[in-house]
Amino acid sequence: TVFNRPKKGFEVPLQRWLRYDLHHLVNKYLNNDFLNQQNIFTISEVQVLLNQLHSNNPSDAAARVWGLLT
């Protein structure tokens, strides 16, 4: 039964969400104009991170972008 099984984790598809389903949030809150107004993050570093998110080797970019958004 479900109650007797060991815990089993699951991965959240952050990369897919941030590239597609939640792309509008990335565009709204991590665009250069908004970042410039907030003056919290270094715009060039955020751009590097976004480029990495959309690359063939995103590494941990999705988790880092999610951290910026939240």
N, C-alpha and C. Protein backbone atom coordinates (compact mmCIF):
# COMPACT_ATOMS: atom_id res chain seq x y z
N THR A 1 0.84 -1.19 0.00
CA THR A 1 0.00 0.00 0.00
C THR A 1 0.88 1.24 0.00
N VAL A 2 0.27 2.35 -0.22
CA VAL A 2 0.98 3.62 -0.27
C VAL A 2 1.59 3.96 1.08
N PHE A 3 0.94 3.60 2.15
CA PHE A 3 1.41 3.95 3.49
C PHE A 3 2.67 3.19 3.89
N ASN A 4 2.88 2.04 3.32
CA ASN A 4 4.01 1.21 3.71
C ASN A 4 5.23 1.41 2.81
N ARG A 5 5.11 2.18 1.76
CA ARG A 5 6.23 2.41 0.86
C ARG A 5 7.18 3.47 1.43
N PRO A 6 8.46 3.38 1.07
CA PRO A 6 9.37 4.44 1.50
C PRO A 6 9.05 5.73 0.74
N LYS A 7 9.52 6.83 1.31
CA LYS A 7 9.31 8.12 0.65
C LYS A 7 9.97 8.11 -0.71
N LYS A 8 9.35 8.80 -1.63
CA LYS A 8 9.91 8.90 -2.98
C LYS A 8 9.79 10.35 -3.42
N GLY A 9 10.90 10.95 -3.78
CA GLY A 9 10.89 12.34 -4.22
C GLY A 9 10.41 12.49 -5.65
N PHE A 10 10.25 13.71 -6.06
CA PHE A 10 9.89 13.99 -7.44
C PHE A 10 10.53 15.30 -7.85
N GLU A 11 10.82 15.41 -9.12
CA GLU A 11 11.43 16.64 -9.62
C GLU A 11 10.36 17.56 -10.16
N VAL A 12 10.52 18.82 -9.88
CA VAL A 12 9.64 19.84 -10.42
C VAL A 12 10.25 20.27 -11.75
N PRO A 13 9.47 20.33 -12.82
CA PRO A 13 10.03 20.67 -14.13
C PRO A 13 10.28 22.18 -14.30
N LEU A 14 11.14 22.73 -13.45
CA LEU A 14 11.39 24.17 -13.45
C LEU A 14 11.86 24.68 -14.81
N GLN A 15 12.78 23.97 -15.41
CA GLN A 15 13.32 24.44 -16.69
C GLN A 15 12.21 24.59 -17.72
N ARG A 16 11.37 23.58 -17.85
CA ARG A 16 10.26 23.65 -18.80
C ARG A 16 9.31 24.77 -18.43
N TRP A 17 8.98 24.90 -17.16
CA TRP A 17 8.07 25.95 -16.73
C TRP A 17 8.62 27.33 -17.07
N LEU A 18 9.90 27.56 -16.74
CA LEU A 18 10.48 28.88 -16.96
C LEU A 18 10.70 29.19 -18.43
N ARG A 19 10.96 28.16 -19.22
CA ARG A 19 11.13 28.37 -20.66
C ARG A 19 9.81 28.58 -21.38
N TYR A 20 8.76 27.94 -20.91
CA TYR A 20 7.50 27.95 -21.65
C TYR A 20 6.32 28.45 -20.81
N ASP A 21 5.88 27.65 -19.86
CA ASP A 21 4.64 27.94 -19.13
C ASP A 21 4.70 29.23 -18.33
N LEU A 22 5.84 29.53 -17.73
CA LEU A 22 5.98 30.74 -16.90
C LEU A 22 6.87 31.79 -17.55
N HIS A 23 7.07 31.66 -18.85
CA HIS A 23 7.95 32.59 -19.57
C HIS A 23 7.48 34.04 -19.41
N HIS A 24 6.16 34.23 -19.32
CA HIS A 24 5.63 35.59 -19.17
C HIS A 24 6.11 36.22 -17.86
N LEU A 25 6.28 35.42 -16.80
CA LEU A 25 6.79 35.97 -15.54
C LEU A 25 8.27 36.33 -15.64
N VAL A 26 9.02 35.50 -16.33
CA VAL A 26 10.44 35.79 -16.55
C VAL A 26 10.56 37.10 -17.32
N ASN A 27 9.76 37.25 -18.37
CA ASN A 27 9.81 38.47 -19.18
C ASN A 27 9.37 39.70 -18.37
N LYS A 28 8.40 39.53 -17.52
CA LYS A 28 7.87 40.66 -16.76
C LYS A 28 8.83 41.13 -15.67
N TYR A 29 9.41 40.19 -14.93
CA TYR A 29 10.18 40.55 -13.75
C TYR A 29 11.70 40.50 -13.93
N LEU A 30 12.17 39.94 -15.02
CA LEU A 30 13.62 39.88 -15.23
C LEU A 30 14.04 40.58 -16.52
N ASN A 31 13.22 41.51 -16.98
CA ASN A 31 13.63 42.31 -18.14
C ASN A 31 14.50 43.47 -17.66
N ASN A 32 15.28 44.01 -18.56
CA ASN A 32 16.25 45.05 -18.20
C ASN A 32 15.60 46.27 -17.57
N ASP A 33 14.48 46.73 -18.09
CA ASP A 33 13.84 47.92 -17.54
C ASP A 33 13.39 47.71 -16.10
N PHE A 34 12.73 46.59 -15.84
CA PHE A 34 12.27 46.29 -14.49
C PHE A 34 13.44 46.13 -13.53
N LEU A 35 14.46 45.41 -13.97
CA LEU A 35 15.64 45.20 -13.12
C LEU A 35 16.33 46.52 -12.82
N ASN A 36 16.38 47.39 -13.81
CA ASN A 36 17.01 48.70 -13.62
C ASN A 36 16.23 49.53 -12.59
N GLN A 37 14.89 49.49 -12.66
CA GLN A 37 14.06 50.22 -11.70
C GLN A 37 14.24 49.70 -10.28
N GLN A 38 14.35 48.39 -10.15
CA GLN A 38 14.49 47.77 -8.83
C GLN A 38 15.88 47.99 -8.24
N ASN A 39 16.87 48.02 -9.11
CA ASN A 39 18.27 48.26 -8.70
C ASN A 39 18.71 47.30 -7.59
N ILE A 40 18.35 46.01 -7.75
CA ILE A 40 18.73 45.00 -6.77
C ILE A 40 19.78 44.06 -7.36
N PHE A 41 19.54 43.59 -8.57
CA PHE A 41 20.41 42.61 -9.22
C PHE A 41 21.24 43.28 -10.31
N THR A 42 22.38 42.70 -10.60
CA THR A 42 23.22 43.16 -11.70
C THR A 42 22.61 42.65 -13.00
N ILE A 43 22.19 43.57 -13.84
CA ILE A 43 21.46 43.22 -15.06
C ILE A 43 22.27 42.27 -15.94
N SER A 44 23.55 42.53 -16.10
CA SER A 44 24.37 41.68 -16.96
C SER A 44 24.45 40.25 -16.42
N GLU A 45 24.47 40.08 -15.11
CA GLU A 45 24.52 38.74 -14.52
C GLU A 45 23.19 38.01 -14.71
N VAL A 46 22.10 38.73 -14.59
CA VAL A 46 20.79 38.12 -14.83
C VAL A 46 20.69 37.69 -16.29
N GLN A 47 21.20 38.50 -17.21
CA GLN A 47 21.16 38.16 -18.63
C GLN A 47 21.99 36.91 -18.92
N VAL A 48 23.14 36.80 -18.28
CA VAL A 48 23.97 35.59 -18.44
C VAL A 48 23.19 34.37 -17.95
N LEU A 49 22.52 34.51 -16.84
CA LEU A 49 21.72 33.41 -16.28
C LEU A 49 20.57 33.03 -17.20
N LEU A 50 19.90 34.01 -17.77
CA LEU A 50 18.79 33.73 -18.69
C LEU A 50 19.31 33.07 -19.97
N ASN A 51 20.45 33.51 -20.45
CA ASN A 51 21.05 32.87 -21.62
C ASN A 51 21.38 31.42 -21.32
N GLN A 52 21.89 31.17 -20.13
CA GLN A 52 22.22 29.81 -19.72
C GLN A 52 20.95 28.96 -19.63
N LEU A 53 19.87 29.53 -19.12
CA LEU A 53 18.60 28.81 -19.00
C LEU A 53 18.13 28.30 -20.36
N HIS A 54 18.36 29.09 -21.40
CA HIS A 54 17.89 28.73 -22.74
C HIS A 54 18.95 28.03 -23.58
N SER A 55 20.07 27.68 -22.97
CA SER A 55 21.14 27.01 -23.70
C SER A 55 20.95 25.50 -23.69
N ASN A 56 21.83 24.81 -24.40
CA ASN A 56 21.81 23.35 -24.40
C ASN A 56 22.39 22.76 -23.12
N ASN A 57 23.07 23.57 -22.33
CA ASN A 57 23.66 23.11 -21.07
C ASN A 57 23.25 24.07 -19.95
N PRO A 58 21.99 24.00 -19.50
CA PRO A 58 21.48 24.97 -18.53
C PRO A 58 22.01 24.80 -17.11
N SER A 59 22.60 23.66 -16.79
CA SER A 59 23.12 23.40 -15.45
C SER A 59 22.04 23.71 -14.41
N ASP A 60 22.32 24.57 -13.45
CA ASP A 60 21.36 24.89 -12.39
C ASP A 60 20.66 26.23 -12.63
N ALA A 61 20.67 26.70 -13.86
CA ALA A 61 20.10 28.02 -14.18
C ALA A 61 18.62 28.10 -13.81
N ALA A 62 17.87 27.05 -14.03
CA ALA A 62 16.43 27.10 -13.73
C ALA A 62 16.20 27.35 -12.25
N ALA A 63 16.93 26.67 -11.41
CA ALA A 63 16.78 26.87 -9.95
C ALA A 63 17.19 28.28 -9.55
N ARG A 64 18.24 28.79 -10.18
CA ARG A 64 18.71 30.14 -9.86
C ARG A 64 17.72 31.20 -10.35
N VAL A 65 17.16 31.01 -11.53
CA VAL A 65 16.15 31.95 -12.03
C VAL A 65 14.92 31.89 -11.14
N TRP A 66 14.51 30.71 -10.75
CA TRP A 66 13.37 30.56 -9.84
C TRP A 66 13.63 31.31 -8.54
N GLY A 67 14.85 31.23 -8.05
CA GLY A 67 15.22 31.96 -6.84
C GLY A 67 15.09 33.46 -7.02
N LEU A 68 15.47 33.97 -8.16
CA LEU A 68 15.32 35.40 -8.43
C LEU A 68 13.85 35.80 -8.47
N LEU A 69 13.04 34.96 -9.07
CA LEU A 69 11.61 35.29 -9.19
C LEU A 69 10.89 35.23 -7.86
N THR A 70 11.32 34.32 -7.01
CA THR A 70 10.61 34.16 -5.74
C THR A 70 11.26 34.98 -4.65
